[in-house]
N, C-alpha and C. Protein backbone atom coordinates (compact mmCIF):
# COMPACT_ATOMS: atom_id res chain seq x y z
N UNK A 1 0.84 -1.20 0.00
CA UNK A 1 0.00 0.00 0.00
C UNK A 1 0.88 1.25 0.00
N UNK A 2 0.97 1.87 -1.14
CA UNK A 2 1.73 3.11 -1.24
C UNK A 2 0.74 4.23 -1.54
N UNK A 3 1.18 5.45 -1.42
CA UNK A 3 0.32 6.58 -1.69
C UNK A 3 0.12 7.41 -0.43
N UNK A 4 -0.39 8.62 -0.64
CA UNK A 4 -0.60 9.52 0.50
C UNK A 4 -1.97 9.28 1.12
N UNK A 5 -2.03 9.47 2.42
CA UNK A 5 -3.29 9.33 3.14
C UNK A 5 -3.43 10.46 4.16
N UNK A 6 -4.67 10.78 4.50
CA UNK A 6 -4.97 11.81 5.48
C UNK A 6 -5.79 11.16 6.59
N UNK A 7 -5.40 11.41 7.83
CA UNK A 7 -6.07 10.83 8.99
C UNK A 7 -6.67 11.95 9.83
N UNK A 8 -7.95 11.84 10.13
CA UNK A 8 -8.61 12.76 11.06
C UNK A 8 -9.08 11.96 12.26
N UNK A 9 -8.69 12.42 13.45
CA UNK A 9 -9.13 11.80 14.69
C UNK A 9 -9.54 12.89 15.66
N UNK A 10 -10.43 12.51 16.58
CA UNK A 10 -10.93 13.47 17.57
C UNK A 10 -11.87 12.74 18.51
N UNK A 11 -12.10 13.32 19.67
CA UNK A 11 -13.18 12.79 20.50
C UNK A 11 -14.52 12.95 19.79
N UNK A 12 -15.44 12.05 20.04
CA UNK A 12 -16.78 12.13 19.46
C UNK A 12 -17.42 13.47 19.80
N UNK A 13 -17.95 14.15 18.79
CA UNK A 13 -18.60 15.44 19.01
C UNK A 13 -17.70 16.64 18.74
N UNK A 14 -16.45 16.39 18.32
CA UNK A 14 -15.51 17.49 18.07
C UNK A 14 -15.70 18.15 16.71
N UNK A 15 -16.46 17.51 15.83
CA UNK A 15 -16.71 18.09 14.51
C UNK A 15 -15.89 17.50 13.40
N UNK A 16 -15.14 16.44 13.66
CA UNK A 16 -14.25 15.90 12.64
C UNK A 16 -15.02 15.38 11.43
N UNK A 17 -16.14 14.71 11.64
CA UNK A 17 -16.89 14.17 10.51
C UNK A 17 -17.42 15.30 9.62
N UNK A 18 -17.89 16.38 10.22
CA UNK A 18 -18.36 17.54 9.45
C UNK A 18 -17.21 18.13 8.65
N UNK A 19 -16.04 18.25 9.26
CA UNK A 19 -14.86 18.78 8.57
C UNK A 19 -14.47 17.87 7.41
N UNK A 20 -14.46 16.57 7.66
CA UNK A 20 -14.10 15.62 6.61
C UNK A 20 -15.08 15.72 5.44
N UNK A 21 -16.38 15.78 5.73
CA UNK A 21 -17.38 15.89 4.65
C UNK A 21 -17.18 17.17 3.84
N UNK A 22 -16.85 18.26 4.52
CA UNK A 22 -16.60 19.53 3.84
C UNK A 22 -15.41 19.40 2.89
N UNK A 23 -14.33 18.77 3.37
CA UNK A 23 -13.14 18.59 2.54
C UNK A 23 -13.42 17.69 1.33
N UNK A 24 -14.23 16.66 1.54
CA UNK A 24 -14.54 15.73 0.46
C UNK A 24 -15.25 16.46 -0.69
N UNK A 25 -16.06 17.46 -0.35
CA UNK A 25 -16.77 18.23 -1.37
C UNK A 25 -15.84 19.19 -2.11
N UNK A 26 -14.79 19.65 -1.44
CA UNK A 26 -13.92 20.69 -2.01
C UNK A 26 -12.68 20.16 -2.72
N UNK A 27 -12.21 18.98 -2.36
CA UNK A 27 -10.94 18.48 -2.90
C UNK A 27 -11.19 17.16 -3.63
N UNK A 28 -11.24 17.17 -4.96
CA UNK A 28 -11.62 15.97 -5.72
C UNK A 28 -10.62 14.81 -5.62
N UNK A 29 -9.38 15.08 -5.24
CA UNK A 29 -8.38 14.00 -5.13
C UNK A 29 -8.64 13.08 -3.94
N UNK A 30 -9.52 13.50 -3.03
CA UNK A 30 -9.76 12.73 -1.81
C UNK A 30 -10.83 11.66 -2.03
N UNK A 31 -10.65 10.55 -1.33
CA UNK A 31 -11.65 9.49 -1.31
C UNK A 31 -11.78 8.99 0.12
N UNK A 32 -13.01 8.94 0.61
CA UNK A 32 -13.27 8.57 1.99
C UNK A 32 -13.06 7.08 2.21
N UNK A 33 -12.27 6.73 3.21
CA UNK A 33 -12.06 5.34 3.58
C UNK A 33 -13.17 4.95 4.55
N UNK A 34 -14.06 4.09 4.08
CA UNK A 34 -15.20 3.66 4.89
C UNK A 34 -14.72 2.63 5.91
N UNK A 35 -14.92 2.93 7.18
CA UNK A 35 -14.54 2.02 8.26
C UNK A 35 -15.59 0.93 8.43
N UNK A 36 -15.21 -0.12 9.10
CA UNK A 36 -16.15 -1.20 9.44
C UNK A 36 -16.48 -1.13 10.93
N UNK A 37 -17.68 -1.54 11.27
CA UNK A 37 -18.10 -1.59 12.67
C UNK A 37 -19.14 -2.69 12.85
N UNK A 38 -19.30 -3.13 14.09
CA UNK A 38 -20.36 -4.09 14.38
C UNK A 38 -21.54 -3.42 15.09
N UNK A 39 -21.47 -2.08 15.28
CA UNK A 39 -22.60 -1.42 15.92
C UNK A 39 -23.73 -1.25 14.93
N UNK A 40 -24.92 -1.00 15.45
CA UNK A 40 -26.08 -0.79 14.59
C UNK A 40 -26.00 0.58 13.93
N UNK A 41 -26.53 0.70 12.72
CA UNK A 41 -26.54 2.00 12.04
C UNK A 41 -27.42 3.01 12.79
N UNK A 42 -26.99 4.27 12.79
CA UNK A 42 -27.83 5.36 13.29
C UNK A 42 -28.80 5.73 12.18
N UNK A 43 -29.85 6.48 12.53
CA UNK A 43 -30.75 6.94 11.46
C UNK A 43 -29.95 7.69 10.39
N UNK A 44 -30.28 7.47 9.15
CA UNK A 44 -29.65 8.12 7.98
C UNK A 44 -28.28 7.54 7.61
N UNK A 45 -27.72 6.60 8.39
CA UNK A 45 -26.44 5.98 8.01
C UNK A 45 -26.71 4.84 7.03
N UNK A 46 -25.82 4.74 6.02
CA UNK A 46 -25.98 3.71 4.99
C UNK A 46 -24.77 2.79 4.98
N UNK A 47 -25.04 1.50 4.83
CA UNK A 47 -23.98 0.50 4.73
C UNK A 47 -23.16 0.76 3.47
N UNK A 48 -21.84 0.73 3.62
CA UNK A 48 -20.94 0.95 2.50
C UNK A 48 -20.69 2.42 2.19
N UNK A 49 -21.41 3.32 2.86
CA UNK A 49 -21.22 4.76 2.67
C UNK A 49 -20.65 5.36 3.95
N UNK A 50 -21.37 5.19 5.05
CA UNK A 50 -20.91 5.71 6.35
C UNK A 50 -19.99 4.71 7.04
N UNK A 51 -20.36 3.46 7.02
CA UNK A 51 -19.60 2.34 7.57
C UNK A 51 -19.97 1.09 6.80
N UNK A 52 -19.12 0.07 6.93
CA UNK A 52 -19.52 -1.28 6.57
C UNK A 52 -20.04 -1.88 7.87
N UNK A 53 -21.33 -2.11 7.94
CA UNK A 53 -21.95 -2.65 9.15
C UNK A 53 -21.88 -4.17 9.10
N UNK A 54 -21.07 -4.74 9.99
CA UNK A 54 -20.85 -6.18 10.04
C UNK A 54 -21.44 -6.75 11.32
N UNK A 55 -21.78 -8.02 11.29
CA UNK A 55 -22.16 -8.68 12.54
C UNK A 55 -20.90 -8.85 13.37
N UNK A 56 -21.06 -9.06 14.65
CA UNK A 56 -19.91 -9.28 15.53
C UNK A 56 -19.10 -10.49 15.06
N UNK A 57 -19.78 -11.56 14.69
CA UNK A 57 -19.08 -12.77 14.22
C UNK A 57 -18.29 -12.49 12.94
N UNK A 58 -18.88 -11.75 12.01
CA UNK A 58 -18.20 -11.43 10.75
C UNK A 58 -16.99 -10.53 11.02
N UNK A 59 -17.14 -9.56 11.92
CA UNK A 59 -16.04 -8.67 12.27
C UNK A 59 -14.89 -9.49 12.85
N UNK A 60 -15.20 -10.38 13.80
CA UNK A 60 -14.15 -11.21 14.43
C UNK A 60 -13.49 -12.14 13.42
N UNK A 61 -14.28 -12.65 12.47
CA UNK A 61 -13.73 -13.50 11.41
C UNK A 61 -12.69 -12.73 10.59
N UNK A 62 -12.99 -11.47 10.27
CA UNK A 62 -12.05 -10.63 9.51
C UNK A 62 -10.80 -10.33 10.35
N UNK A 63 -10.96 -10.17 11.66
CA UNK A 63 -9.79 -9.99 12.54
C UNK A 63 -8.89 -11.22 12.43
N UNK A 64 -9.51 -12.39 12.56
CA UNK A 64 -8.74 -13.65 12.52
C UNK A 64 -8.06 -13.88 11.18
N UNK A 65 -8.63 -13.35 10.10
CA UNK A 65 -8.05 -13.51 8.77
C UNK A 65 -7.06 -12.38 8.44
N UNK A 66 -6.78 -11.51 9.41
CA UNK A 66 -5.83 -10.41 9.24
C UNK A 66 -6.24 -9.48 8.09
N UNK A 67 -7.55 -9.19 7.99
CA UNK A 67 -8.06 -8.35 6.90
C UNK A 67 -8.12 -6.87 7.28
N UNK A 68 -7.75 -6.54 8.52
CA UNK A 68 -7.79 -5.15 8.96
C UNK A 68 -6.40 -4.54 8.99
N UNK A 69 -6.30 -3.30 8.53
CA UNK A 69 -5.08 -2.50 8.70
C UNK A 69 -4.94 -2.18 10.18
N UNK A 70 -6.08 -1.84 10.81
CA UNK A 70 -6.13 -1.59 12.24
C UNK A 70 -7.56 -1.85 12.68
N UNK A 71 -7.72 -2.22 13.94
CA UNK A 71 -9.05 -2.39 14.52
C UNK A 71 -8.94 -2.21 16.02
N UNK A 72 -10.07 -1.92 16.64
CA UNK A 72 -10.08 -1.73 18.09
C UNK A 72 -11.47 -2.00 18.64
N UNK A 73 -11.52 -2.51 19.83
CA UNK A 73 -12.77 -2.62 20.57
C UNK A 73 -12.91 -1.30 21.32
N UNK A 74 -13.60 -0.34 20.71
CA UNK A 74 -13.67 1.03 21.19
C UNK A 74 -14.47 1.11 22.49
N UNK A 75 -15.57 0.41 22.53
CA UNK A 75 -16.38 0.27 23.74
C UNK A 75 -16.58 -1.23 23.92
N UNK A 76 -16.83 -1.70 25.15
CA UNK A 76 -16.98 -3.15 25.34
C UNK A 76 -18.00 -3.75 24.37
N UNK A 77 -17.52 -4.68 23.54
CA UNK A 77 -18.38 -5.36 22.57
C UNK A 77 -18.62 -4.59 21.29
N UNK A 78 -18.06 -3.36 21.15
CA UNK A 78 -18.26 -2.55 19.95
C UNK A 78 -16.92 -2.34 19.25
N UNK A 79 -16.83 -2.87 18.04
CA UNK A 79 -15.59 -2.84 17.27
C UNK A 79 -15.66 -1.84 16.12
N UNK A 80 -14.50 -1.25 15.82
CA UNK A 80 -14.33 -0.41 14.65
C UNK A 80 -12.99 -0.80 14.02
N UNK A 81 -12.89 -0.70 12.71
CA UNK A 81 -11.62 -1.02 12.07
C UNK A 81 -11.57 -0.55 10.63
N UNK A 82 -10.35 -0.59 10.07
CA UNK A 82 -10.10 -0.20 8.69
C UNK A 82 -9.69 -1.43 7.91
N UNK A 83 -10.48 -1.78 6.92
CA UNK A 83 -10.18 -2.94 6.09
C UNK A 83 -9.05 -2.62 5.11
N UNK A 84 -8.09 -3.53 5.00
CA UNK A 84 -6.99 -3.34 4.05
C UNK A 84 -7.53 -3.20 2.63
N UNK A 85 -8.56 -3.95 2.31
CA UNK A 85 -9.13 -3.90 0.96
C UNK A 85 -9.68 -2.52 0.63
N UNK A 86 -10.19 -1.80 1.62
CA UNK A 86 -10.72 -0.45 1.40
C UNK A 86 -9.59 0.51 1.04
N UNK A 87 -8.48 0.43 1.74
CA UNK A 87 -7.33 1.30 1.47
C UNK A 87 -6.74 0.97 0.10
N UNK A 88 -6.61 -0.31 -0.20
CA UNK A 88 -6.11 -0.73 -1.51
C UNK A 88 -6.98 -0.19 -2.64
N UNK A 89 -8.30 -0.26 -2.46
CA UNK A 89 -9.25 0.22 -3.47
C UNK A 89 -8.99 1.69 -3.79
N UNK A 90 -8.85 2.50 -2.75
CA UNK A 90 -8.67 3.94 -2.93
C UNK A 90 -7.33 4.25 -3.61
N UNK A 91 -6.28 3.62 -3.14
CA UNK A 91 -4.95 3.87 -3.71
C UNK A 91 -4.91 3.41 -5.17
N UNK A 92 -5.55 2.28 -5.47
CA UNK A 92 -5.58 1.79 -6.85
C UNK A 92 -6.36 2.71 -7.78
N UNK A 93 -7.27 3.50 -7.22
CA UNK A 93 -8.01 4.50 -8.00
C UNK A 93 -7.19 5.78 -8.20
N UNK A 94 -5.98 5.83 -7.60
CA UNK A 94 -5.13 7.00 -7.73
C UNK A 94 -5.58 8.16 -6.85
N UNK A 95 -6.34 7.86 -5.83
CA UNK A 95 -6.87 8.90 -4.92
C UNK A 95 -6.09 8.91 -3.62
N UNK A 96 -6.36 9.94 -2.80
CA UNK A 96 -5.78 10.07 -1.47
C UNK A 96 -6.84 9.61 -0.47
N UNK A 97 -6.52 8.58 0.31
CA UNK A 97 -7.47 8.04 1.28
C UNK A 97 -7.60 8.98 2.47
N UNK A 98 -8.84 9.22 2.87
CA UNK A 98 -9.12 10.05 4.03
C UNK A 98 -9.78 9.17 5.08
N UNK A 99 -9.21 9.20 6.28
CA UNK A 99 -9.72 8.39 7.39
C UNK A 99 -10.37 9.28 8.44
N UNK A 100 -11.52 8.86 8.92
CA UNK A 100 -12.22 9.48 10.05
C UNK A 100 -12.27 8.38 11.10
N UNK A 101 -11.26 8.36 11.99
CA UNK A 101 -11.11 7.24 12.93
C UNK A 101 -10.84 7.75 14.35
N UNK A 102 -10.99 6.84 15.31
CA UNK A 102 -10.68 7.20 16.69
C UNK A 102 -9.17 7.38 16.85
N UNK A 103 -8.75 7.91 17.99
CA UNK A 103 -7.35 8.29 18.17
C UNK A 103 -6.39 7.11 18.15
N UNK A 104 -6.80 5.98 18.67
CA UNK A 104 -5.92 4.80 18.66
C UNK A 104 -5.73 4.33 17.22
N UNK A 105 -6.84 4.24 16.48
CA UNK A 105 -6.76 3.87 15.07
C UNK A 105 -5.91 4.85 14.29
N UNK A 106 -6.10 6.14 14.57
CA UNK A 106 -5.33 7.18 13.89
C UNK A 106 -3.83 7.05 14.11
N UNK A 107 -3.44 6.81 15.35
CA UNK A 107 -2.00 6.68 15.63
C UNK A 107 -1.45 5.39 15.01
N UNK A 108 -2.24 4.34 14.99
CA UNK A 108 -1.78 3.08 14.37
C UNK A 108 -1.61 3.23 12.86
N UNK A 109 -2.56 3.90 12.22
CA UNK A 109 -2.45 4.12 10.78
C UNK A 109 -1.25 5.00 10.47
N UNK A 110 -1.04 6.03 11.27
CA UNK A 110 0.12 6.93 11.08
C UNK A 110 1.42 6.13 11.17
N UNK A 111 1.53 5.26 12.16
CA UNK A 111 2.74 4.44 12.30
C UNK A 111 2.95 3.59 11.05
N UNK A 112 1.88 3.04 10.52
CA UNK A 112 1.97 2.16 9.35
C UNK A 112 2.43 2.92 8.10
N UNK A 113 1.89 4.13 7.88
CA UNK A 113 2.18 4.87 6.65
C UNK A 113 3.29 5.90 6.80
N UNK A 114 3.67 6.25 8.03
CA UNK A 114 4.78 7.18 8.27
C UNK A 114 4.62 8.51 7.56
N UNK A 115 5.65 8.89 6.80
CA UNK A 115 5.67 10.19 6.12
C UNK A 115 4.62 10.32 5.01
N UNK A 116 4.06 9.21 4.57
CA UNK A 116 3.01 9.26 3.55
C UNK A 116 1.65 9.59 4.15
N UNK A 117 1.61 9.80 5.46
CA UNK A 117 0.36 10.11 6.14
C UNK A 117 0.44 11.47 6.83
N UNK A 118 -0.65 12.22 6.73
CA UNK A 118 -0.82 13.44 7.49
C UNK A 118 -1.89 13.16 8.52
N UNK A 119 -1.53 13.22 9.80
CA UNK A 119 -2.46 12.93 10.88
C UNK A 119 -2.89 14.24 11.54
N UNK A 120 -4.19 14.52 11.49
CA UNK A 120 -4.75 15.76 12.03
C UNK A 120 -5.70 15.43 13.18
N UNK A 121 -5.47 16.08 14.31
CA UNK A 121 -6.32 15.90 15.49
C UNK A 121 -7.25 17.10 15.59
N UNK A 122 -8.55 16.85 15.65
CA UNK A 122 -9.53 17.91 15.82
C UNK A 122 -9.88 17.97 17.30
N UNK A 123 -9.62 19.13 17.88
CA UNK A 123 -9.79 19.29 19.32
C UNK A 123 -10.98 20.21 19.63
N UNK A 124 -11.83 19.81 20.56
CA UNK A 124 -12.91 20.73 20.95
C UNK A 124 -12.32 21.88 21.76
N UNK A 125 -13.00 23.03 21.81
CA UNK A 125 -12.47 24.15 22.58
C UNK A 125 -12.38 23.84 24.07
N UNK A 126 -13.29 22.96 24.56
CA UNK A 126 -13.28 22.56 25.98
C UNK A 126 -14.16 21.32 26.13
N UNK A 127 -14.02 20.65 27.26
CA UNK A 127 -14.89 19.50 27.54
C UNK A 127 -16.34 19.94 27.74
N UNK A 128 -16.53 21.14 28.29
CA UNK A 128 -17.89 21.66 28.48
C UNK A 128 -18.57 21.88 27.13
N UNK A 129 -17.85 22.44 26.17
CA UNK A 129 -18.40 22.65 24.83
C UNK A 129 -18.67 21.30 24.16
N UNK A 130 -17.78 20.34 24.37
CA UNK A 130 -17.98 19.01 23.80
C UNK A 130 -19.27 18.38 24.34
N UNK A 131 -19.48 18.51 25.64
CA UNK A 131 -20.70 17.96 26.24
C UNK A 131 -21.94 18.62 25.64
N UNK A 132 -21.87 19.92 25.46
CA UNK A 132 -22.99 20.66 24.87
C UNK A 132 -23.29 20.14 23.45
N UNK A 133 -22.24 19.93 22.66
CA UNK A 133 -22.40 19.43 21.29
C UNK A 133 -23.01 18.03 21.27
N UNK A 134 -22.52 17.17 22.16
CA UNK A 134 -23.05 15.80 22.23
C UNK A 134 -24.53 15.81 22.58
N UNK A 135 -24.90 16.66 23.52
CA UNK A 135 -26.31 16.75 23.93
C UNK A 135 -27.18 17.32 22.80
N UNK A 136 -26.65 18.31 22.08
CA UNK A 136 -27.41 18.93 21.00
C UNK A 136 -27.64 18.01 19.80
N UNK A 137 -26.80 16.97 19.66
CA UNK A 137 -26.99 16.01 18.56
C UNK A 137 -28.27 15.20 18.73
N UNK A 138 -28.68 15.02 19.99
CA UNK A 138 -29.89 14.22 20.30
C UNK A 138 -29.85 12.82 19.69
N UNK A 139 -28.67 12.20 19.67
CA UNK A 139 -28.56 10.85 19.11
C UNK A 139 -28.18 9.82 20.17
N UNK A 140 -27.74 10.27 21.34
CA UNK A 140 -27.21 9.34 22.34
C UNK A 140 -27.96 9.44 23.66
N UNK A 141 -27.98 8.32 24.37
CA UNK A 141 -28.57 8.28 25.71
C UNK A 141 -27.64 9.01 26.69
N UNK A 142 -28.16 9.28 27.87
CA UNK A 142 -27.33 9.91 28.91
C UNK A 142 -26.11 9.05 29.24
N UNK A 143 -26.32 7.75 29.31
CA UNK A 143 -25.22 6.83 29.60
C UNK A 143 -24.15 6.90 28.50
N UNK A 144 -24.58 6.94 27.24
CA UNK A 144 -23.63 7.02 26.13
C UNK A 144 -22.87 8.34 26.15
N UNK A 145 -23.56 9.43 26.45
CA UNK A 145 -22.89 10.74 26.55
C UNK A 145 -21.82 10.70 27.63
N UNK A 146 -22.16 10.15 28.79
CA UNK A 146 -21.18 10.03 29.89
C UNK A 146 -19.96 9.22 29.44
N UNK A 147 -20.21 8.09 28.75
CA UNK A 147 -19.10 7.25 28.26
C UNK A 147 -18.23 8.03 27.29
N UNK A 148 -18.87 8.77 26.39
CA UNK A 148 -18.13 9.53 25.39
C UNK A 148 -17.27 10.62 26.04
N UNK A 149 -17.82 11.27 27.06
CA UNK A 149 -17.06 12.33 27.75
C UNK A 149 -15.88 11.75 28.52
N UNK A 150 -16.08 10.62 29.17
CA UNK A 150 -14.98 9.97 29.89
C UNK A 150 -13.88 9.57 28.91
N UNK A 151 -14.31 9.00 27.79
CA UNK A 151 -13.35 8.60 26.76
C UNK A 151 -12.64 9.82 26.17
N UNK A 152 -13.37 10.92 25.99
CA UNK A 152 -12.80 12.14 25.40
C UNK A 152 -11.64 12.66 26.23
N UNK A 153 -11.78 12.60 27.55
CA UNK A 153 -10.69 13.07 28.42
C UNK A 153 -9.40 12.32 28.13
N UNK A 154 -9.50 11.00 27.93
CA UNK A 154 -8.32 10.19 27.61
C UNK A 154 -7.82 10.50 26.20
N UNK A 155 -8.77 10.64 25.26
CA UNK A 155 -8.39 10.86 23.87
C UNK A 155 -7.63 12.17 23.67
N UNK A 156 -7.97 13.18 24.43
CA UNK A 156 -7.28 14.47 24.30
C UNK A 156 -5.78 14.33 24.55
N UNK A 157 -5.39 13.36 25.36
CA UNK A 157 -3.98 13.10 25.62
C UNK A 157 -3.23 12.58 24.41
N UNK A 158 -3.94 12.11 23.40
CA UNK A 158 -3.31 11.58 22.19
C UNK A 158 -2.93 12.66 21.20
N UNK A 159 -3.45 13.86 21.39
CA UNK A 159 -3.23 14.94 20.40
C UNK A 159 -1.75 15.11 20.07
N UNK A 160 -0.88 14.93 21.04
CA UNK A 160 0.56 15.15 20.82
C UNK A 160 1.18 14.17 19.82
N UNK A 161 0.48 13.07 19.52
CA UNK A 161 1.00 12.08 18.58
C UNK A 161 0.62 12.40 17.13
N UNK A 162 -0.10 13.48 16.92
CA UNK A 162 -0.57 13.84 15.59
C UNK A 162 0.31 14.94 15.00
N UNK A 163 0.33 15.01 13.67
CA UNK A 163 1.17 15.99 12.98
C UNK A 163 0.66 17.41 13.21
N UNK A 164 -0.66 17.58 13.21
CA UNK A 164 -1.28 18.90 13.35
C UNK A 164 -2.49 18.79 14.27
N UNK A 165 -2.75 19.89 14.99
CA UNK A 165 -3.92 19.98 15.85
C UNK A 165 -4.73 21.20 15.41
N UNK A 166 -6.02 20.97 15.19
CA UNK A 166 -6.93 22.07 14.86
C UNK A 166 -7.94 22.16 15.99
N UNK A 167 -8.02 23.34 16.62
CA UNK A 167 -9.04 23.57 17.65
C UNK A 167 -10.31 24.02 16.93
N UNK A 168 -11.37 23.24 17.05
CA UNK A 168 -12.62 23.55 16.37
C UNK A 168 -13.51 24.40 17.27
N UNK A 169 -13.16 25.69 17.36
CA UNK A 169 -14.00 26.62 18.12
C UNK A 169 -14.97 27.34 17.18
N UNK A 170 -14.60 27.44 15.90
CA UNK A 170 -15.47 27.99 14.86
C UNK A 170 -15.36 27.06 13.66
N UNK A 171 -16.45 26.42 13.30
CA UNK A 171 -16.42 25.38 12.27
C UNK A 171 -15.85 25.87 10.94
N UNK A 172 -16.28 27.03 10.46
CA UNK A 172 -15.78 27.53 9.17
C UNK A 172 -14.27 27.72 9.19
N UNK A 173 -13.76 28.28 10.28
CA UNK A 173 -12.31 28.51 10.42
C UNK A 173 -11.57 27.17 10.47
N UNK A 174 -12.11 26.20 11.20
CA UNK A 174 -11.48 24.87 11.30
C UNK A 174 -11.47 24.19 9.93
N UNK A 175 -12.55 24.33 9.16
CA UNK A 175 -12.61 23.75 7.82
C UNK A 175 -11.57 24.38 6.90
N UNK A 176 -11.43 25.70 6.96
CA UNK A 176 -10.42 26.39 6.14
C UNK A 176 -9.01 25.92 6.49
N UNK A 177 -8.73 25.81 7.79
CA UNK A 177 -7.41 25.36 8.22
C UNK A 177 -7.14 23.92 7.76
N UNK A 178 -8.13 23.06 7.89
CA UNK A 178 -7.98 21.67 7.45
C UNK A 178 -7.75 21.61 5.94
N UNK A 179 -8.49 22.42 5.19
CA UNK A 179 -8.34 22.44 3.72
C UNK A 179 -6.93 22.87 3.34
N UNK A 180 -6.41 23.90 3.99
CA UNK A 180 -5.05 24.37 3.70
C UNK A 180 -4.02 23.29 4.00
N UNK A 181 -4.14 22.64 5.17
CA UNK A 181 -3.19 21.59 5.56
C UNK A 181 -3.21 20.43 4.57
N UNK A 182 -4.41 20.01 4.18
CA UNK A 182 -4.55 18.87 3.27
C UNK A 182 -3.99 19.22 1.90
N UNK A 183 -4.35 20.37 1.37
CA UNK A 183 -3.84 20.78 0.04
C UNK A 183 -2.33 20.89 0.04
N UNK A 184 -1.75 21.47 1.10
CA UNK A 184 -0.30 21.59 1.19
C UNK A 184 0.37 20.22 1.27
N UNK A 185 -0.28 19.25 1.90
CA UNK A 185 0.29 17.90 2.03
C UNK A 185 0.21 17.17 0.69
N UNK A 186 -0.93 17.30 0.02
CA UNK A 186 -1.11 16.60 -1.28
C UNK A 186 -0.18 17.19 -2.34
N UNK A 187 -0.14 18.50 -2.41
CA UNK A 187 0.69 19.22 -3.39
C UNK A 187 1.47 20.30 -2.65
N UNK A 188 2.63 19.94 -2.08
CA UNK A 188 3.39 20.93 -1.29
C UNK A 188 3.70 22.19 -2.09
N UNK A 189 3.58 23.36 -1.42
CA UNK A 189 3.90 24.62 -2.11
C UNK A 189 5.37 24.64 -2.52
N UNK A 190 5.61 25.28 -3.66
CA UNK A 190 6.99 25.33 -4.18
C UNK A 190 7.73 26.51 -3.65
């Protein structure tokens, strides 16, 4: 697997998925790397577009067959991972793979691709703002929000392992900064 890749990681609710979608619309060289998970789809999520939704048994079978570039049990019984076949597909199309993954997956992918990867950490302005965003999404139970906030505190410690950190205090500004970083990485200024 050769070629350039872009990694976005952040605590849930930091805005990384919105930033990634914005970049996908603006930069035609990018192709989204669809992750696999065994969790149930949220409303409006589509298999093969947002995630490859696998059964737990199918996910574990792929782990045993070494079909993942990286994978993790993010929450007890809930798996996420990047299929090697997905990355190969994008690179074979001559595109730049874009990953929207958790911080552990992001650091693992960065280690694998080294200088061919740009790893960007999207940071919320504060944990209080993150909690507000999670609540405003109206997609998670109170228990899930608590889990996400506890996990976010740990994830923020991973920021130092990324090439760049963008504080998402204003979405438009964060999108512009991400676009500049990605364009400079794909086609470095002369």
